[in-house]
Structures are given as C-alpha cells and as structure tokens.
Amino acid sequence: MVNENETFEVLEQNTDKSVCEEVLLFVNTLLQKMDMQAEAQIGEESTNDKIKINIIGKDSAKVIGYRGESLDAIQYLAVIDANKNNEKDYIKVVVDSENYRDKRNATLNSLAKKLAYKASKSNKKVELEPMNPFERRIIHTALQNNEYVETVSEGEGIRRHVVIIPKKKKQEDVSLDILGASNSNFKKNGPKKMRSFGYSRKRF
C-alpha cells in the first residue's frame, strides 16, 4: 500500500496538490476498473508542470501491456484528466511501471544508432515501425546531431512513423568516419605502417 503521508508530502513540496490528487485518484480508479492488483503513487520527480506517476503492485508488469500500449493508454487519459480544467501552462504527465520508460528509452536509442548506420552505409532511407509521439521523439532526439542522417515523421494517426534519411555525402567519407579515420592526416598519408615486432622480411 502507498504511504499517503509520504505521497502528500511530495505533493506539497513540488506540485499543485489539487491537480496531483485528482490525477492520482483518476489513475487508481482506472486500475480498479481494469481489475488490476496495482496502485499508483506520485513520484518524487514531480514538479508544477510535470507529474510523474509510478504504478506498483502484483500486476504492475501486466499494466505495461504489449510494447507499453496499455501504459501509454493510461498515460494518455491521465494527461487529458490533468489538463481538462487547466487554464495555465500545459501539465505533462508521465506514467511508469517497472521502470519501463527508462528501459524502452535505452532500447530505442540503441535501435536509432543501428538503423542510422544502416541508412548511411546503404545510402537508402530506413522506415521504422509506427510509434506513439513519445517514442518518435526519442528517435528524433537520438539522431538530431548525427552527421550522416536526418529524421522525419511520415504517415497519419496510428500509422505515423519515423523515417531515417541519409544525408548526401561521399561513401568514401562515410567509410573513413566509420573507421575513425576521417582526419586530414589519414587522407593525406594513409594508415600507419604496421610494426614488424622484430621479424625481418626474407627475400626469396
């Protein structure tokens, strides 16, 4: 069970208590209607413009769903609830369970780098599977400073996805950079000669 004293202490220190209480009640009611043995609590990272909700309990893993679809749905509804009477700045709500958000973030960052390499090497665009706005943003952010590719979102609704497009660059330069040898000395003088380690070549 959630310690209510600790929960509301976090609310008083960092956030708008009334909004947090309402969103917390909304998520817990939703979990009950889903027949989940789980409970929501306010995360310590919560601020006035961002509410972090962690779901704990026996069914916390089930709440995540396939590729986080159930968790995303709960978060989407929680965002609507938090902003329905809000006349001030937009309030962001992040709903997490089993540290899924951080794990998914790491997975998507790794995927972005692998597919960026594929796109630059093949000089062909690579289309990812449809993703929600939160996950598309992770891909865009991971590659925003990439020298060899750029990203765009295409499609509508649930079919919207990220496309990784190679920038126009000589294939020779891409290969050199992959080898970590794109500096002027390498291009001018070539690779360093290998040492013989004391063995002399014999002429036959």
Protein backbone atom coordinates (compact mmCIF):
# COMPACT_ATOMS: atom_id res chain seq x y z
CA MET A 1 0.00 0.00 0.00
CA VAL A 2 1.07 3.58 -0.67
CA ASN A 3 2.02 5.64 2.36
CA GLU A 4 -0.41 8.58 2.00
CA ASN A 5 1.57 10.84 4.31
CA GLU A 6 4.71 10.44 2.19
CA THR A 7 2.72 10.88 -1.04
CA PHE A 8 1.10 14.16 0.00
CA GLU A 9 4.38 15.44 1.43
CA VAL A 10 5.79 15.18 -2.11
CA LEU A 11 2.70 16.96 -3.45
CA GLU A 12 3.02 19.86 -1.04
CA GLN A 13 6.71 20.36 -1.75
CA ASN A 14 6.85 20.09 -5.53
CA THR A 15 3.46 20.31 -7.24
CA ASP A 16 -0.04 21.66 -7.43
CA LYS A 17 -1.62 19.42 -4.81
CA SER A 18 -5.19 19.57 -6.16
CA VAL A 19 -4.21 18.54 -9.69
CA CYS A 20 -1.95 15.74 -8.45
CA GLU A 21 -4.64 14.42 -6.12
CA GLU A 22 -7.15 14.39 -8.97
CA VAL A 23 -4.83 12.63 -11.43
CA LEU A 24 -3.75 10.11 -8.78
CA LEU A 25 -7.38 9.31 -7.99
CA PHE A 26 -8.16 9.03 -11.71
CA VAL A 27 -5.35 6.53 -12.37
CA ASN A 28 -6.16 4.43 -9.29
CA THR A 29 -9.85 4.32 -10.28
CA LEU A 30 -8.81 3.27 -13.78
CA LEU A 31 -6.63 0.46 -12.40
CA GLN A 32 -9.53 -0.79 -10.29
CA LYS A 33 -11.83 -0.85 -13.31
CA MET A 34 -9.15 -2.80 -15.19
CA ASP A 35 -9.24 -5.31 -12.33
CA MET A 36 -5.52 -4.82 -11.73
CA GLN A 37 -3.93 -5.50 -8.36
CA ALA A 38 -1.80 -2.39 -8.60
CA GLU A 39 -1.73 1.10 -7.18
CA ALA A 40 -0.48 4.48 -8.40
CA GLN A 41 1.74 6.81 -6.41
CA ILE A 42 3.27 10.21 -7.08
CA GLY A 43 6.96 10.12 -7.99
CA GLU A 44 9.48 12.39 -6.30
CA GLU A 45 10.41 13.84 -9.70
CA SER A 46 7.04 15.61 -9.94
CA THR A 47 7.04 19.39 -10.39
CA ASN A 48 4.44 22.09 -11.06
CA ASP A 49 4.41 21.38 -14.80
CA LYS A 50 5.17 17.66 -14.75
CA ILE A 51 3.50 14.87 -12.77
CA LYS A 52 5.31 11.55 -12.51
CA ILE A 53 3.17 8.57 -11.53
CA ASN A 54 4.63 5.18 -10.67
CA ILE A 55 2.46 2.07 -10.66
CA ILE A 56 3.37 -0.62 -8.14
CA GLY A 57 1.83 -3.90 -7.04
CA LYS A 58 1.31 -7.52 -8.04
CA ASP A 59 0.02 -6.68 -11.54
CA SER A 60 2.40 -3.80 -12.25
CA ALA A 61 4.01 -5.73 -15.13
CA LYS A 62 0.60 -6.52 -16.67
CA VAL A 63 -0.25 -2.82 -16.66
CA ILE A 64 2.53 -2.23 -19.20
CA GLY A 65 0.92 -4.36 -21.92
CA TYR A 66 2.40 -5.27 -25.31
CA ARG A 67 5.24 -2.82 -26.04
CA GLY A 68 3.83 -0.46 -23.45
CA GLU A 69 0.48 0.01 -25.22
CA SER A 70 -1.61 -0.26 -22.04
CA LEU A 71 0.74 2.02 -20.12
CA ASP A 72 0.63 4.56 -22.95
CA ALA A 73 -3.18 4.46 -22.96
CA ILE A 74 -3.30 5.12 -19.22
CA GLN A 75 -0.82 7.97 -19.61
CA TYR A 76 -2.83 9.48 -22.47
CA LEU A 77 -6.01 9.51 -20.39
CA ALA A 78 -4.12 10.87 -17.36
CA VAL A 79 -2.81 13.79 -19.46
CA ILE A 80 -6.36 14.62 -20.56
CA ASP A 81 -7.57 14.48 -16.97
CA ALA A 82 -4.74 16.70 -15.70
CA ASN A 83 -5.40 19.41 -18.31
CA LYS A 84 -9.19 19.33 -18.62
CA ASN A 85 -9.70 22.36 -16.36
CA ASN A 86 -6.25 23.83 -16.78
CA GLU A 87 -6.16 27.43 -17.97
CA LYS A 88 -2.44 27.84 -17.26
CA ASP A 89 0.55 26.11 -18.82
CA TYR A 90 0.23 22.55 -20.15
CA ILE A 91 0.84 19.89 -17.49
CA LYS A 92 2.86 16.88 -18.60
CA VAL A 93 2.04 13.50 -17.06
CA VAL A 94 4.38 10.50 -17.20
CA VAL A 95 3.00 7.15 -16.07
CA ASP A 96 5.60 4.45 -15.45
CA SER A 97 5.69 0.88 -14.18
CA GLU A 98 8.59 -1.48 -13.52
CA ASN A 99 10.95 1.28 -14.78
CA TYR A 100 9.63 0.58 -18.28
CA ARG A 101 10.15 4.11 -19.59
CA ASP A 102 13.92 4.13 -18.96
CA LYS A 103 14.33 0.63 -20.40
CA ARG A 104 12.35 1.50 -23.52
CA ASN A 105 14.31 4.72 -23.91
CA ALA A 106 17.59 2.78 -23.90
CA THR A 107 16.23 0.27 -26.42
CA LEU A 108 15.07 2.98 -28.82
CA ASN A 109 18.35 4.90 -28.57
CA SER A 110 20.25 1.73 -29.46
CA LEU A 111 17.86 0.99 -32.34
CA ALA A 112 18.22 4.53 -33.68
CA LYS A 113 22.02 4.24 -33.86
CA LYS A 114 21.91 0.83 -35.56
CA LEU A 115 19.42 1.95 -38.19
CA ALA A 116 21.29 5.22 -38.75
CA TYR A 117 24.40 3.18 -39.56
CA LYS A 118 22.35 1.00 -41.92
CA ALA A 119 20.91 4.05 -43.69
CA SER A 120 24.29 5.79 -44.10
CA LYS A 121 26.03 2.61 -45.25
CA SER A 122 23.38 1.60 -47.81
CA ASN A 123 22.60 5.20 -48.77
CA LYS A 124 18.90 4.31 -48.58
CA LYS A 125 16.21 5.58 -46.25
CA VAL A 126 15.05 3.30 -43.44
CA GLU A 127 11.45 3.31 -42.20
CA LEU A 128 10.70 2.35 -38.62
CA GLU A 129 7.50 0.79 -37.39
CA PRO A 130 4.64 3.09 -36.28
CA MET A 131 5.27 4.64 -32.86
CA ASN A 132 3.49 6.98 -30.48
CA PRO A 133 4.66 10.64 -30.27
CA PHE A 134 6.72 9.99 -27.13
CA GLU A 135 8.76 7.21 -28.78
CA ARG A 136 9.14 9.06 -32.09
CA ARG A 137 10.59 11.98 -30.15
CA ILE A 138 13.21 9.67 -28.62
CA ILE A 139 14.36 8.58 -32.11
CA HIS A 140 14.46 12.17 -33.40
CA THR A 141 16.43 13.34 -30.36
CA ALA A 142 18.90 10.45 -30.56
CA LEU A 143 19.82 11.34 -34.15
CA GLN A 144 19.35 15.12 -34.22
CA ASN A 145 23.11 15.76 -34.21
CA ASN A 146 24.04 12.80 -36.41
CA GLU A 147 26.37 13.86 -39.21
CA TYR A 148 25.18 11.28 -41.73
CA VAL A 149 21.41 11.04 -41.39
CA GLU A 150 18.33 13.10 -40.68
CA THR A 151 14.88 12.04 -39.48
CA VAL A 152 11.32 12.93 -40.40
CA SER A 153 7.92 11.65 -39.33
CA GLU A 154 5.54 10.39 -42.00
CA GLY A 155 2.05 8.93 -42.07
CA GLU A 156 -1.13 9.81 -40.22
CA GLY A 157 -2.71 8.66 -36.98
CA ILE A 158 -1.65 5.24 -35.71
CA ARG A 159 0.45 4.73 -38.87
CA ARG A 160 2.74 7.70 -38.19
CA HIS A 161 6.36 6.58 -38.08
CA VAL A 162 9.95 7.82 -38.25
CA VAL A 163 11.99 7.67 -41.45
CA ILE A 164 15.79 7.85 -41.28
CA ILE A 165 17.20 9.50 -44.41
CA PRO A 166 20.91 9.51 -45.32
CA LYS A 167 22.42 12.92 -45.96
CA LYS A 168 24.21 13.48 -49.24
CA LYS A 169 27.82 12.57 -48.58
CA LYS A 170 30.53 10.68 -50.38
CA GLN A 171 30.56 7.00 -49.49
CA GLU A 172 34.34 7.24 -49.06
CA ASP A 173 33.92 9.79 -46.27
CA VAL A 174 31.31 7.62 -44.54
CA SER A 175 33.64 4.61 -44.62
CA LEU A 176 36.54 6.66 -43.28
CA ASP A 177 34.45 8.06 -40.43
CA ILE A 178 33.21 4.61 -39.50
CA LEU A 179 36.86 3.60 -39.20
CA GLY A 180 37.50 6.69 -37.12
CA ALA A 181 39.93 7.92 -39.77
CA SER A 182 38.29 10.94 -41.35
CA ASN A 183 41.00 13.38 -40.29
CA SER A 184 43.26 15.16 -42.80
CA ASN A 185 46.41 13.26 -41.82
CA PHE A 186 44.79 9.93 -42.66
CA LYS A 187 43.52 11.16 -46.01
CA LYS A 188 46.94 12.65 -46.85
CA ASN A 189 49.28 9.96 -45.58
CA GLY A 190 47.08 6.89 -45.35
CA PRO A 191 47.11 4.38 -42.49
CA LYS A 192 50.19 3.99 -40.36
CA LYS A 193 52.59 1.21 -41.28
CA MET A 194 52.32 -1.92 -39.17
CA ARG A 195 55.25 -2.70 -36.91
CA SER A 196 57.17 -5.90 -37.62
CA PHE A 197 57.81 -6.60 -33.93
CA GLY A 198 61.44 -7.69 -34.60
CA TYR A 199 60.76 -10.00 -37.56
CA SER A 200 62.57 -9.13 -40.76
CA ARG A 201 61.24 -9.96 -44.18
CA LYS A 202 63.16 -12.52 -46.17
CA ARG A 203 63.63 -12.27 -49.87
CA PHE A 204 63.06 -15.46 -51.84
